[in-house]
Protein backbone atom coordinates (compact mmCIF):
# COMPACT_ATOMS: atom_id res chain seq x y z
CA UNK A 1 0.00 0.00 0.00
CA UNK A 2 2.23 2.79 1.20
CA UNK A 3 1.55 6.47 1.00
CA UNK A 4 0.62 6.56 -2.63
CA UNK A 5 -2.73 5.01 -1.75
CA UNK A 6 -3.55 8.22 0.10
CA UNK A 7 -2.99 10.29 -3.01
CA UNK A 8 -3.98 11.78 -5.37
CA UNK A 9 -5.97 14.10 -3.23
CA UNK A 10 -8.34 16.82 -4.44
CA UNK A 11 -6.98 19.36 -6.89
CA UNK A 12 -5.50 21.83 -4.41
CA UNK A 13 -3.18 19.15 -3.06
CA UNK A 14 -2.27 17.59 -6.36
CA UNK A 15 -1.42 21.01 -7.72
CA UNK A 16 0.73 21.89 -4.71
CA UNK A 17 3.08 18.98 -4.83
CA UNK A 18 1.63 15.48 -4.96
CA UNK A 19 4.00 14.43 -2.25
CA UNK A 20 4.69 10.90 -3.34
CA UNK A 21 5.84 12.02 -6.77
CA UNK A 22 8.29 14.62 -5.47
CA UNK A 23 11.01 14.50 -2.90
CA UNK A 24 9.57 14.31 0.58
CA UNK A 25 11.16 17.55 1.73
CA UNK A 26 9.96 19.60 -1.24
CA UNK A 27 6.42 18.26 -1.01
CA UNK A 28 6.27 18.73 2.76
CA UNK A 29 7.25 22.36 2.24
CA UNK A 30 4.45 22.90 -0.24
CA UNK A 31 1.82 21.42 2.06
CA UNK A 32 3.29 23.25 5.05
CA UNK A 33 2.47 26.51 3.24
CA UNK A 34 -1.21 25.60 3.55
CA UNK A 35 -0.82 25.01 7.28
CA UNK A 36 1.19 28.19 7.74
CA UNK A 37 -1.75 30.14 6.31
CA UNK A 38 -4.43 28.36 8.28
CA UNK A 39 -6.70 31.41 8.22
CA UNK A 40 -7.26 30.70 4.54
CA UNK A 41 -8.39 27.12 5.11
CA UNK A 42 -9.74 27.66 8.63
CA UNK A 43 -12.42 24.98 9.00
CA UNK A 44 -12.11 23.47 5.53
CA UNK A 45 -11.16 19.89 4.70
CA UNK A 46 -8.11 21.27 2.93
CA UNK A 47 -6.43 22.18 6.20
CA UNK A 48 -6.97 18.75 7.72
CA UNK A 49 -5.73 16.97 4.62
CA UNK A 50 -2.69 19.22 4.48
CA UNK A 51 -1.61 17.65 7.80
CA UNK A 52 -1.96 14.25 6.18
CA UNK A 53 0.05 15.33 3.15
CA UNK A 54 2.82 16.71 5.36
CA UNK A 55 2.85 13.39 7.20
CA UNK A 56 3.01 11.42 3.96
CA UNK A 57 5.79 13.56 2.55
CA UNK A 58 7.87 13.33 5.71
CA UNK A 59 7.33 9.57 5.93
CA UNK A 60 8.58 9.31 2.36
CA UNK A 61 11.61 11.36 3.27
CA UNK A 62 12.23 9.19 6.34
CA UNK A 63 12.22 6.05 4.19
CA UNK A 64 14.53 7.53 1.58
CA UNK A 65 17.02 9.15 3.99
CA UNK A 66 19.51 7.80 6.48
CA UNK A 67 20.72 8.68 9.94
CA UNK A 68 19.70 11.92 11.58
CA UNK A 69 17.81 13.13 8.50
CA UNK A 70 15.64 10.01 8.51
CA UNK A 71 15.03 10.29 12.25
CA UNK A 72 14.03 13.95 11.98
CA UNK A 73 11.67 13.25 9.08
CA UNK A 74 10.09 10.37 11.02
CA UNK A 75 9.47 12.64 14.02
CA UNK A 76 7.87 15.27 11.75
CA UNK A 77 5.73 12.59 10.08
CA UNK A 78 4.53 11.26 13.43
CA UNK A 79 3.62 14.78 14.58
CA UNK A 80 1.70 15.52 11.39
CA UNK A 81 -0.15 12.20 11.54
CA UNK A 82 -1.04 12.94 15.16
CA UNK A 83 -2.35 16.38 14.17
CA UNK A 84 -4.48 14.85 11.40
CA UNK A 85 -5.81 12.09 13.65
CA UNK A 86 -6.64 14.63 16.37
CA UNK A 87 -8.60 16.74 13.88
CA UNK A 88 -10.48 13.65 12.68
CA UNK A 89 -10.96 12.02 16.10
CA UNK A 90 -14.76 12.23 15.82
CA UNK A 91 -14.94 11.15 12.17
CA UNK A 92 -16.54 7.93 11.03
CA UNK A 93 -13.83 5.32 11.72
CA UNK A 94 -14.64 3.52 8.47
CA UNK A 95 -13.53 6.38 6.21
CA UNK A 96 -10.80 4.81 4.06
CA UNK A 97 -8.35 7.73 4.24
CA UNK A 98 -8.67 7.77 8.04
CA UNK A 99 -8.10 4.03 8.28
CA UNK A 100 -5.03 4.31 6.06
CA UNK A 101 -3.66 7.23 8.08
CA UNK A 102 -4.02 5.21 11.29
CA UNK A 103 -2.21 2.29 9.68
CA UNK A 104 0.64 4.45 8.43
CA UNK A 105 0.93 6.21 11.81
CA UNK A 106 1.17 2.84 13.56
CA UNK A 107 3.91 1.70 11.15
CA UNK A 108 6.04 4.73 12.03
CA UNK A 109 5.78 4.32 15.80
PDB file of N, CA and C in Angstrom:
ATOM      1  N   UNK A   1       0.822  -1.196   0.000  1.00  0.00           N
ATOM      2  CA  UNK A   1       0.000   0.000   0.000  1.00  0.00           C
ATOM      3  C   UNK A   1       0.859   1.251   0.000  1.00  0.00           C
ATOM      4  N   UNK A   2       1.377   1.618   1.143  1.00  0.00           N
ATOM      5  CA  UNK A   2       2.232   2.790   1.205  1.00  0.00           C
ATOM      6  C   UNK A   2       1.457   4.084   1.077  1.00  0.00           C
ATOM      7  N   UNK A   3       2.167   5.152   1.007  1.00  0.00           N
ATOM      8  CA  UNK A   3       1.546   6.472   1.004  1.00  0.00           C
ATOM      9  C   UNK A   3       0.878   6.822  -0.304  1.00  0.00           C
ATOM     10  N   UNK A   4       1.243   6.203  -1.378  1.00  0.00           N
ATOM     11  CA  UNK A   4       0.618   6.561  -2.632  1.00  0.00           C
ATOM     12  C   UNK A   4      -0.863   6.252  -2.634  1.00  0.00           C
ATOM     13  N   UNK A   5      -1.311   5.315  -1.799  1.00  0.00           N
ATOM     14  CA  UNK A   5      -2.730   5.011  -1.755  1.00  0.00           C
ATOM     15  C   UNK A   5      -3.529   6.174  -1.178  1.00  0.00           C
ATOM     16  N   UNK A   6      -2.866   7.062  -0.449  1.00  0.00           N
ATOM     17  CA  UNK A   6      -3.553   8.225   0.101  1.00  0.00           C
ATOM     18  C   UNK A   6      -3.751   9.307  -0.958  1.00  0.00           C
ATOM     19  N   UNK A   7      -2.975   9.251  -1.998  1.00  0.00           N
ATOM     20  CA  UNK A   7      -2.988  10.293  -3.009  1.00  0.00           C
ATOM     21  C   UNK A   7      -3.373   9.694  -4.350  1.00  0.00           C
ATOM     22  N   UNK A   8      -3.867  10.339  -5.321  1.00  0.00           N
ATOM     23  CA  UNK A   8      -3.979  11.783  -5.374  1.00  0.00           C
ATOM     24  C   UNK A   8      -5.164  12.290  -4.558  1.00  0.00           C
ATOM     25  N   UNK A   9      -4.944  13.427  -3.986  1.00  0.00           N
ATOM     26  CA  UNK A   9      -5.971  14.102  -3.226  1.00  0.00           C
ATOM     27  C   UNK A   9      -6.653  15.126  -4.128  1.00  0.00           C
ATOM     28  N   UNK A  10      -7.661  15.798  -3.619  1.00  0.00           N
ATOM     29  CA  UNK A  10      -8.335  16.816  -4.437  1.00  0.00           C
ATOM     30  C   UNK A  10      -7.359  17.815  -5.051  1.00  0.00           C
ATOM     31  N   UNK A  11      -7.819  18.506  -6.053  1.00  0.00           N
ATOM     32  CA  UNK A  11      -6.980  19.363  -6.888  1.00  0.00           C
ATOM     33  C   UNK A  11      -5.994  20.254  -6.150  1.00  0.00           C
ATOM     34  N   UNK A  12      -6.416  20.901  -5.069  1.00  0.00           N
ATOM     35  CA  UNK A  12      -5.502  21.835  -4.408  1.00  0.00           C
ATOM     36  C   UNK A  12      -4.240  21.116  -3.969  1.00  0.00           C
ATOM     37  N   UNK A  13      -4.352  19.876  -3.514  1.00  0.00           N
ATOM     38  CA  UNK A  13      -3.182  19.152  -3.062  1.00  0.00           C
ATOM     39  C   UNK A  13      -2.375  18.638  -4.240  1.00  0.00           C
ATOM     40  N   UNK A  14      -3.026  18.121  -5.233  1.00  0.00           N
ATOM     41  CA  UNK A  14      -2.274  17.586  -6.361  1.00  0.00           C
ATOM     42  C   UNK A  14      -1.542  18.700  -7.093  1.00  0.00           C
ATOM     43  N   UNK A  15      -2.090  19.890  -7.073  1.00  0.00           N
ATOM     44  CA  UNK A  15      -1.417  21.010  -7.723  1.00  0.00           C
ATOM     45  C   UNK A  15      -0.277  21.549  -6.877  1.00  0.00           C
ATOM     46  N   UNK A  16      -0.296  21.327  -5.591  1.00  0.00           N
ATOM     47  CA  UNK A  16       0.727  21.887  -4.713  1.00  0.00           C
ATOM     48  C   UNK A  16       1.919  20.978  -4.527  1.00  0.00           C
ATOM     49  N   UNK A  17       1.865  19.750  -4.990  1.00  0.00           N
ATOM     50  CA  UNK A  17       3.077  18.981  -4.832  1.00  0.00           C
ATOM     51  C   UNK A  17       2.982  17.484  -4.970  1.00  0.00           C
ATOM     52  N   UNK A  18       1.823  16.931  -4.956  1.00  0.00           N
ATOM     53  CA  UNK A  18       1.631  15.479  -4.964  1.00  0.00           C
ATOM     54  C   UNK A  18       2.847  14.803  -4.333  1.00  0.00           C
ATOM     55  N   UNK A  19       2.824  14.761  -3.039  1.00  0.00           N
ATOM     56  CA  UNK A  19       4.004  14.434  -2.250  1.00  0.00           C
ATOM     57  C   UNK A  19       4.698  13.152  -2.634  1.00  0.00           C
ATOM     58  N   UNK A  20       4.006  12.155  -3.054  1.00  0.00           N
ATOM     59  CA  UNK A  20       4.692  10.898  -3.336  1.00  0.00           C
ATOM     60  C   UNK A  20       5.353  10.892  -4.697  1.00  0.00           C
ATOM     61  N   UNK A  21       5.175  11.936  -5.480  1.00  0.00           N
ATOM     62  CA  UNK A  21       5.841  12.024  -6.774  1.00  0.00           C
ATOM     63  C   UNK A  21       6.968  13.052  -6.762  1.00  0.00           C
ATOM     64  N   UNK A  22       7.200  13.668  -5.627  1.00  0.00           N
ATOM     65  CA  UNK A  22       8.293  14.617  -5.474  1.00  0.00           C
ATOM     66  C   UNK A  22       9.130  14.172  -4.307  1.00  0.00           C
ATOM     67  N   UNK A  23      10.228  14.837  -4.084  1.00  0.00           N
ATOM     68  CA  UNK A  23      11.005  14.498  -2.901  1.00  0.00           C
ATOM     69  C   UNK A  23      10.182  14.853  -1.672  1.00  0.00           C
ATOM     70  N   UNK A  24      10.335  14.088  -0.630  1.00  0.00           N
ATOM     71  CA  UNK A  24       9.565  14.311   0.585  1.00  0.00           C
ATOM     72  C   UNK A  24       9.697  15.723   1.123  1.00  0.00           C
ATOM     73  N   UNK A  25      10.914  16.231   1.165  1.00  0.00           N
ATOM     74  CA  UNK A  25      11.155  17.549   1.735  1.00  0.00           C
ATOM     75  C   UNK A  25      10.476  18.643   0.913  1.00  0.00           C
ATOM     76  N   UNK A  26      10.576  18.578  -0.389  1.00  0.00           N
ATOM     77  CA  UNK A  26       9.958  19.602  -1.241  1.00  0.00           C
ATOM     78  C   UNK A  26       8.445  19.569  -1.110  1.00  0.00           C
ATOM     79  N   UNK A  27       7.875  18.382  -1.111  1.00  0.00           N
ATOM     80  CA  UNK A  27       6.423  18.260  -1.008  1.00  0.00           C
ATOM     81  C   UNK A  27       5.947  18.721   0.364  1.00  0.00           C
ATOM     82  N   UNK A  28       6.653  18.318   1.409  1.00  0.00           N
ATOM     83  CA  UNK A  28       6.268  18.734   2.760  1.00  0.00           C
ATOM     84  C   UNK A  28       6.246  20.250   2.858  1.00  0.00           C
ATOM     85  N   UNK A  29       7.206  20.896   2.235  1.00  0.00           N
ATOM     86  CA  UNK A  29       7.249  22.360   2.241  1.00  0.00           C
ATOM     87  C   UNK A  29       6.048  22.981   1.562  1.00  0.00           C
ATOM     88  N   UNK A  30       5.620  22.384   0.472  1.00  0.00           N
ATOM     89  CA  UNK A  30       4.449  22.905  -0.237  1.00  0.00           C
ATOM     90  C   UNK A  30       3.183  22.772   0.615  1.00  0.00           C
ATOM     91  N   UNK A  31       3.011  21.622   1.233  1.00  0.00           N
ATOM     92  CA  UNK A  31       1.819  21.423   2.063  1.00  0.00           C
ATOM     93  C   UNK A  31       1.907  22.223   3.350  1.00  0.00           C
ATOM     94  N   UNK A  32       3.129  22.439   3.842  1.00  0.00           N
ATOM     95  CA  UNK A  32       3.290  23.250   5.045  1.00  0.00           C
ATOM     96  C   UNK A  32       2.827  24.679   4.802  1.00  0.00           C
ATOM     97  N   UNK A  33       2.952  25.159   3.567  1.00  0.00           N
ATOM     98  CA  UNK A  33       2.471  26.507   3.235  1.00  0.00           C
ATOM     99  C   UNK A  33       0.979  26.636   3.518  1.00  0.00           C
ATOM    100  N   UNK A  34       0.225  25.582   3.254  1.00  0.00           N
ATOM    101  CA  UNK A  34      -1.207  25.605   3.550  1.00  0.00           C
ATOM    102  C   UNK A  34      -1.415  25.736   5.053  1.00  0.00           C
ATOM    103  N   UNK A  35      -0.672  24.965   5.828  1.00  0.00           N
ATOM    104  CA  UNK A  35      -0.817  25.012   7.281  1.00  0.00           C
ATOM    105  C   UNK A  35      -0.347  26.333   7.863  1.00  0.00           C
ATOM    106  N   UNK A  36       0.678  26.910   7.263  1.00  0.00           N
ATOM    107  CA  UNK A  36       1.192  28.188   7.744  1.00  0.00           C
ATOM    108  C   UNK A  36       0.205  29.331   7.508  1.00  0.00           C
ATOM    109  N   UNK A  37      -0.722  29.133   6.609  1.00  0.00           N
ATOM    110  CA  UNK A  37      -1.747  30.140   6.313  1.00  0.00           C
ATOM    111  C   UNK A  37      -3.115  29.570   6.655  1.00  0.00           C
ATOM    112  N   UNK A  38      -3.219  29.068   7.874  1.00  0.00           N
ATOM    113  CA  UNK A  38      -4.431  28.358   8.282  1.00  0.00           C
ATOM    114  C   UNK A  38      -5.683  29.233   8.255  1.00  0.00           C
ATOM    115  N   UNK A  39      -5.531  30.527   8.309  1.00  0.00           N
ATOM    116  CA  UNK A  39      -6.695  31.407   8.219  1.00  0.00           C
ATOM    117  C   UNK A  39      -7.407  31.277   6.885  1.00  0.00           C
ATOM    118  N   UNK A  40      -6.677  30.880   5.870  1.00  0.00           N
ATOM    119  CA  UNK A  40      -7.263  30.703   4.545  1.00  0.00           C
ATOM    120  C   UNK A  40      -8.123  29.453   4.500  1.00  0.00           C
ATOM    121  N   UNK A  41      -7.661  28.394   5.156  1.00  0.00           N
ATOM    122  CA  UNK A  41      -8.387  27.121   5.106  1.00  0.00           C
ATOM    123  C   UNK A  41      -9.230  26.884   6.349  1.00  0.00           C
ATOM    124  N   UNK A  42      -9.082  27.685   7.337  1.00  0.00           N
ATOM    125  CA  UNK A  42      -9.736  27.661   8.632  1.00  0.00           C
ATOM    126  C   UNK A  42     -10.417  26.337   8.956  1.00  0.00           C
ATOM    127  N   UNK A  43     -11.668  26.176   8.621  1.00  0.00           N
ATOM    128  CA  UNK A  43     -12.419  24.977   8.996  1.00  0.00           C
ATOM    129  C   UNK A  43     -12.723  24.115   7.773  1.00  0.00           C
ATOM    130  N   UNK A  44     -11.898  24.183   6.790  1.00  0.00           N
ATOM    131  CA  UNK A  44     -12.112  23.470   5.534  1.00  0.00           C
ATOM    132  C   UNK A  44     -11.345  22.147   5.554  1.00  0.00           C
ATOM    133  N   UNK A  45     -11.820  21.187   4.810  1.00  0.00           N
ATOM    134  CA  UNK A  45     -11.156  19.887   4.704  1.00  0.00           C
ATOM    135  C   UNK A  45      -9.721  20.021   4.209  1.00  0.00           C
ATOM    136  N   UNK A  46      -9.436  21.075   3.477  1.00  0.00           N
ATOM    137  CA  UNK A  46      -8.109  21.275   2.925  1.00  0.00           C
ATOM    138  C   UNK A  46      -7.053  21.359   4.022  1.00  0.00           C
ATOM    139  N   UNK A  47      -7.372  22.054   5.091  1.00  0.00           N
ATOM    140  CA  UNK A  47      -6.426  22.177   6.196  1.00  0.00           C
ATOM    141  C   UNK A  47      -6.131  20.845   6.851  1.00  0.00           C
ATOM    142  N   UNK A  48      -7.165  20.061   7.095  1.00  0.00           N
ATOM    143  CA  UNK A  48      -6.970  18.747   7.717  1.00  0.00           C
ATOM    144  C   UNK A  48      -6.145  17.840   6.809  1.00  0.00           C
ATOM    145  N   UNK A  49      -6.464  17.835   5.540  1.00  0.00           N
ATOM    146  CA  UNK A  49      -5.725  16.968   4.622  1.00  0.00           C
ATOM    147  C   UNK A  49      -4.299  17.454   4.387  1.00  0.00           C
ATOM    148  N   UNK A  50      -4.062  18.733   4.598  1.00  0.00           N
ATOM    149  CA  UNK A  50      -2.686  19.224   4.485  1.00  0.00           C
ATOM    150  C   UNK A  50      -1.805  18.571   5.557  1.00  0.00           C
ATOM    151  N   UNK A  51      -2.357  18.360   6.755  1.00  0.00           N
ATOM    152  CA  UNK A  51      -1.606  17.649   7.801  1.00  0.00           C
ATOM    153  C   UNK A  51      -1.239  16.246   7.321  1.00  0.00           C
ATOM    154  N   UNK A  52      -2.192  15.594   6.685  1.00  0.00           N
ATOM    155  CA  UNK A  52      -1.955  14.247   6.184  1.00  0.00           C
ATOM    156  C   UNK A  52      -0.894  14.247   5.079  1.00  0.00           C
ATOM    157  N   UNK A  53      -0.937  15.234   4.226  1.00  0.00           N
ATOM    158  CA  UNK A  53       0.048  15.326   3.148  1.00  0.00           C
ATOM    159  C   UNK A  53       1.443  15.615   3.690  1.00  0.00           C
ATOM    160  N   UNK A  54       1.532  16.456   4.713  1.00  0.00           N
ATOM    161  CA  UNK A  54       2.825  16.707   5.356  1.00  0.00           C
ATOM    162  C   UNK A  54       3.348  15.408   5.969  1.00  0.00           C
ATOM    163  N   UNK A  55       2.458  14.664   6.610  1.00  0.00           N
ATOM    164  CA  UNK A  55       2.853  13.389   7.205  1.00  0.00           C
ATOM    165  C   UNK A  55       3.370  12.427   6.140  1.00  0.00           C
ATOM    166  N   UNK A  56       2.631  12.312   5.055  1.00  0.00           N
ATOM    167  CA  UNK A  56       3.009  11.416   3.961  1.00  0.00           C
ATOM    168  C   UNK A  56       4.364  11.811   3.376  1.00  0.00           C
ATOM    169  N   UNK A  57       4.544  13.077   3.142  1.00  0.00           N
ATOM    170  CA  UNK A  57       5.792  13.556   2.549  1.00  0.00           C
ATOM    171  C   UNK A  57       6.975  13.313   3.479  1.00  0.00           C
ATOM    172  N   UNK A  58       6.788  13.561   4.763  1.00  0.00           N
ATOM    173  CA  UNK A  58       7.872  13.326   5.712  1.00  0.00           C
ATOM    174  C   UNK A  58       8.154  11.843   5.897  1.00  0.00           C
ATOM    175  N   UNK A  59       7.117  11.021   5.851  1.00  0.00           N
ATOM    176  CA  UNK A  59       7.330   9.574   5.932  1.00  0.00           C
ATOM    177  C   UNK A  59       8.128   9.094   4.723  1.00  0.00           C
ATOM    178  N   UNK A  60       7.823   9.630   3.564  1.00  0.00           N
ATOM    179  CA  UNK A  60       8.578   9.307   2.357  1.00  0.00           C
ATOM    180  C   UNK A  60      10.042   9.712   2.523  1.00  0.00           C
ATOM    181  N   UNK A  61      10.249  10.893   3.053  1.00  0.00           N
ATOM    182  CA  UNK A  61      11.614  11.358   3.268  1.00  0.00           C
ATOM    183  C   UNK A  61      12.332  10.472   4.284  1.00  0.00           C
ATOM    184  N   UNK A  62      11.626  10.052   5.333  1.00  0.00           N
ATOM    185  CA  UNK A  62      12.233   9.186   6.344  1.00  0.00           C
ATOM    186  C   UNK A  62      12.679   7.859   5.737  1.00  0.00           C
ATOM    187  N   UNK A  63      11.872   7.323   4.825  1.00  0.00           N
ATOM    188  CA  UNK A  63      12.215   6.050   4.186  1.00  0.00           C
ATOM    189  C   UNK A  63      13.367   6.194   3.191  1.00  0.00           C
ATOM    190  N   UNK A  64      13.512   7.366   2.606  1.00  0.00           N
ATOM    191  CA  UNK A  64      14.534   7.534   1.577  1.00  0.00           C
ATOM    192  C   UNK A  64      15.815   8.188   2.098  1.00  0.00           C
ATOM    193  N   UNK A  65      15.848   8.518   3.382  1.00  0.00           N
ATOM    194  CA  UNK A  65      17.017   9.148   3.990  1.00  0.00           C
ATOM    195  C   UNK A  65      17.685   8.173   4.950  1.00  0.00           C
ATOM    196  N   UNK A  66      18.784   8.625   5.509  1.00  0.00           N
ATOM    197  CA  UNK A  66      19.513   7.805   6.477  1.00  0.00           C
ATOM    198  C   UNK A  66      19.922   8.665   7.656  1.00  0.00           C
ATOM    199  N   UNK A  67      20.170   8.008   8.764  1.00  0.00           N
ATOM    200  CA  UNK A  67      20.716   8.678   9.937  1.00  0.00           C
ATOM    201  C   UNK A  67      19.810   9.728  10.523  1.00  0.00           C
ATOM    202  N   UNK A  68      20.423  10.847  10.901  1.00  0.00           N
ATOM    203  CA  UNK A  68      19.696  11.920  11.582  1.00  0.00           C
ATOM    204  C   UNK A  68      18.601  12.518  10.709  1.00  0.00           C
ATOM    205  N   UNK A  69      18.840  12.595   9.405  1.00  0.00           N
ATOM    206  CA  UNK A  69      17.809  13.130   8.501  1.00  0.00           C
ATOM    207  C   UNK A  69      16.571  12.246   8.509  1.00  0.00           C
ATOM    208  N   UNK A  70      16.764  10.949   8.478  1.00  0.00           N
ATOM    209  CA  UNK A  70      15.644  10.009   8.509  1.00  0.00           C
ATOM    210  C   UNK A  70      14.904  10.098   9.837  1.00  0.00           C
ATOM    211  N   UNK A  71      15.657  10.192  10.921  1.00  0.00           N
ATOM    212  CA  UNK A  71      15.033  10.290  12.245  1.00  0.00           C
ATOM    213  C   UNK A  71      14.205  11.563  12.374  1.00  0.00           C
ATOM    214  N   UNK A  72      14.747  12.673  11.900  1.00  0.00           N
ATOM    215  CA  UNK A  72      14.026  13.948  11.981  1.00  0.00           C
ATOM    216  C   UNK A  72      12.755  13.916  11.133  1.00  0.00           C
ATOM    217  N   UNK A  73      12.845  13.343   9.949  1.00  0.00           N
ATOM    218  CA  UNK A  73      11.671  13.251   9.075  1.00  0.00           C
ATOM    219  C   UNK A  73      10.607  12.350   9.702  1.00  0.00           C
ATOM    220  N   UNK A  74      11.029  11.273  10.343  1.00  0.00           N
ATOM    221  CA  UNK A  74      10.091  10.369  11.016  1.00  0.00           C
ATOM    222  C   UNK A  74       9.355  11.100  12.139  1.00  0.00           C
ATOM    223  N   UNK A  75      10.081  11.884  12.922  1.00  0.00           N
ATOM    224  CA  UNK A  75       9.471  12.645  14.020  1.00  0.00           C
ATOM    225  C   UNK A  75       8.450  13.635  13.458  1.00  0.00           C
ATOM    226  N   UNK A  76       8.812  14.315  12.368  1.00  0.00           N
ATOM    227  CA  UNK A  76       7.873  15.266  11.747  1.00  0.00           C
ATOM    228  C   UNK A  76       6.643  14.542  11.201  1.00  0.00           C
ATOM    229  N   UNK A  77       6.856  13.371  10.612  1.00  0.00           N
ATOM    230  CA  UNK A  77       5.727  12.595  10.085  1.00  0.00           C
ATOM    231  C   UNK A  77       4.800  12.175  11.207  1.00  0.00           C
ATOM    232  N   UNK A  78       5.359  11.675  12.292  1.00  0.00           N
ATOM    233  CA  UNK A  78       4.526  11.263  13.431  1.00  0.00           C
ATOM    234  C   UNK A  78       3.711  12.430  13.969  1.00  0.00           C
ATOM    235  N   UNK A  79       4.330  13.598  14.074  1.00  0.00           N
ATOM    236  CA  UNK A  79       3.621  14.775  14.582  1.00  0.00           C
ATOM    237  C   UNK A  79       2.487  15.179  13.643  1.00  0.00           C
ATOM    238  N   UNK A  80       2.744  15.145  12.360  1.00  0.00           N
ATOM    239  CA  UNK A  80       1.705  15.524  11.392  1.00  0.00           C
ATOM    240  C   UNK A  80       0.567  14.505  11.375  1.00  0.00           C
ATOM    241  N   UNK A  81       0.901  13.209  11.452  1.00  0.00           N
ATOM    242  CA  UNK A  81      -0.153  12.199  11.544  1.00  0.00           C
ATOM    243  C   UNK A  81      -0.989  12.418  12.801  1.00  0.00           C
ATOM    244  N   UNK A  82      -0.321  12.708  13.914  1.00  0.00           N
ATOM    245  CA  UNK A  82      -1.041  12.938  15.164  1.00  0.00           C
ATOM    246  C   UNK A  82      -1.977  14.140  15.029  1.00  0.00           C
ATOM    247  N   UNK A  83      -1.507  15.206  14.394  1.00  0.00           N
ATOM    248  CA  UNK A  83      -2.354  16.382  14.170  1.00  0.00           C
ATOM    249  C   UNK A  83      -3.580  16.015  13.342  1.00  0.00           C
ATOM    250  N   UNK A  84      -3.370  15.263  12.261  1.00  0.00           N
ATOM    251  CA  UNK A  84      -4.481  14.845  11.404  1.00  0.00           C
ATOM    252  C   UNK A  84      -5.462  13.982  12.190  1.00  0.00           C
ATOM    253  N   UNK A  85      -4.941  13.002  12.908  1.00  0.00           N
ATOM    254  CA  UNK A  85      -5.811  12.092  13.651  1.00  0.00           C
ATOM    255  C   UNK A  85      -6.565  12.815  14.764  1.00  0.00           C
ATOM    256  N   UNK A  86      -5.953  13.825  15.348  1.00  0.00           N
ATOM    257  CA  UNK A  86      -6.640  14.630  16.366  1.00  0.00           C
ATOM    258  C   UNK A  86      -7.792  15.404  15.733  1.00  0.00           C
ATOM    259  N   UNK A  87      -7.537  15.995  14.566  1.00  0.00           N
ATOM    260  CA  UNK A  87      -8.599  16.739  13.882  1.00  0.00           C
ATOM    261  C   UNK A  87      -9.759  15.828  13.476  1.00  0.00           C
ATOM    262  N   UNK A  88      -9.461  14.588  13.152  1.00  0.00           N
ATOM    263  CA  UNK A  88     -10.479  13.648  12.676  1.00  0.00           C
ATOM    264  C   UNK A  88     -10.911  12.654  13.752  1.00  0.00           C
ATOM    265  N   UNK A  89     -10.664  12.967  15.021  1.00  0.00           N
ATOM    266  CA  UNK A  89     -10.959  12.023  16.095  1.00  0.00           C
ATOM    267  C   UNK A  89     -12.435  11.648  16.186  1.00  0.00           C
ATOM    268  N   UNK A  90     -13.319  12.509  15.759  1.00  0.00           N
ATOM    269  CA  UNK A  90     -14.758  12.230  15.824  1.00  0.00           C
ATOM    270  C   UNK A  90     -15.336  11.779  14.482  1.00  0.00           C
ATOM    271  N   UNK A  91     -14.475  11.571  13.509  1.00  0.00           N
ATOM    272  CA  UNK A  91     -14.941  11.154  12.174  1.00  0.00           C
ATOM    273  C   UNK A  91     -15.362   9.686  12.188  1.00  0.00           C
ATOM    274  N   UNK A  92     -16.141   9.315  11.209  1.00  0.00           N
ATOM    275  CA  UNK A  92     -16.543   7.926  11.030  1.00  0.00           C
ATOM    276  C   UNK A  92     -15.275   7.082  10.891  1.00  0.00           C
ATOM    277  N   UNK A  93     -15.065   6.101  11.756  1.00  0.00           N
ATOM    278  CA  UNK A  93     -13.829   5.323  11.718  1.00  0.00           C
ATOM    279  C   UNK A  93     -13.673   4.457  10.470  1.00  0.00           C
ATOM    280  N   UNK A  94     -14.716   4.334   9.677  1.00  0.00           N
ATOM    281  CA  UNK A  94     -14.643   3.516   8.473  1.00  0.00           C
ATOM    282  C   UNK A  94     -14.246   4.297   7.225  1.00  0.00           C
ATOM    283  N   UNK A  95     -13.971   5.584   7.363  1.00  0.00           N
ATOM    284  CA  UNK A  95     -13.529   6.379   6.214  1.00  0.00           C
ATOM    285  C   UNK A  95     -12.167   5.846   5.771  1.00  0.00           C
ATOM    286  N   UNK A  96     -12.051   5.447   4.515  1.00  0.00           N
ATOM    287  CA  UNK A  96     -10.801   4.812   4.056  1.00  0.00           C
ATOM    288  C   UNK A  96      -9.536   5.630   4.310  1.00  0.00           C
ATOM    289  N   UNK A  97      -9.564   6.924   4.065  1.00  0.00           N
ATOM    290  CA  UNK A  97      -8.349   7.725   4.244  1.00  0.00           C
ATOM    291  C   UNK A  97      -7.959   7.797   5.713  1.00  0.00           C
ATOM    292  N   UNK A  98      -8.945   7.782   6.609  1.00  0.00           N
ATOM    293  CA  UNK A  98      -8.670   7.772   8.043  1.00  0.00           C
ATOM    294  C   UNK A  98      -8.080   6.433   8.470  1.00  0.00           C
ATOM    295  N   UNK A  99      -8.642   5.361   7.970  1.00  0.00           N
ATOM    296  CA  UNK A  99      -8.104   4.035   8.279  1.00  0.00           C
ATOM    297  C   UNK A  99      -6.663   3.902   7.807  1.00  0.00           C
ATOM    298  N   UNK A 100      -6.391   4.388   6.612  1.00  0.00           N
ATOM    299  CA  UNK A 100      -5.026   4.314   6.063  1.00  0.00           C
ATOM    300  C   UNK A 100      -4.065   5.176   6.875  1.00  0.00           C
ATOM    301  N   UNK A 101      -4.518   6.355   7.281  1.00  0.00           N
ATOM    302  CA  UNK A 101      -3.660   7.234   8.084  1.00  0.00           C
ATOM    303  C   UNK A 101      -3.317   6.571   9.419  1.00  0.00           C
ATOM    304  N   UNK A 102      -4.283   5.910  10.032  1.00  0.00           N
ATOM    305  CA  UNK A 102      -4.021   5.211  11.294  1.00  0.00           C
ATOM    306  C   UNK A 102      -3.015   4.081  11.087  1.00  0.00           C
ATOM    307  N   UNK A 103      -3.143   3.375   9.987  1.00  0.00           N
ATOM    308  CA  UNK A 103      -2.214   2.292   9.677  1.00  0.00           C
ATOM    309  C   UNK A 103      -0.799   2.817   9.477  1.00  0.00           C
ATOM    310  N   UNK A 104      -0.677   3.878   8.692  1.00  0.00           N
ATOM    311  CA  UNK A 104       0.645   4.448   8.429  1.00  0.00           C
ATOM    312  C   UNK A 104       1.266   5.030   9.704  1.00  0.00           C
ATOM    313  N   UNK A 105       0.452   5.665  10.529  1.00  0.00           N
ATOM    314  CA  UNK A 105       0.928   6.213  11.808  1.00  0.00           C
ATOM    315  C   UNK A 105       1.477   5.089  12.672  1.00  0.00           C
ATOM    316  N   UNK A 106       0.743   3.985  12.764  1.00  0.00           N
ATOM    317  CA  UNK A 106       1.172   2.841  13.560  1.00  0.00           C
ATOM    318  C   UNK A 106       2.490   2.261  13.052  1.00  0.00           C
ATOM    319  N   UNK A 107       2.670   2.230  11.740  1.00  0.00           N
ATOM    320  CA  UNK A 107       3.911   1.699  11.152  1.00  0.00           C
ATOM    321  C   UNK A 107       5.131   2.545  11.553  1.00  0.00           C
ATOM    322  N   UNK A 108       4.928   3.837  11.705  1.00  0.00           N
ATOM    323  CA  UNK A 108       6.036   4.733  12.027  1.00  0.00           C
ATOM    324  C   UNK A 108       6.422   4.712  13.502  1.00  0.00           C
ATOM    325  N   UNK A 109       5.509   4.288  14.350  1.00  0.00           N
ATOM    326  CA  UNK A 109       5.778   4.319  15.799  1.00  0.00           C
ATOM    327  C   UNK A 109       6.778   3.279  16.216  1.00  0.00           C
TER     328      UNK A 109
END
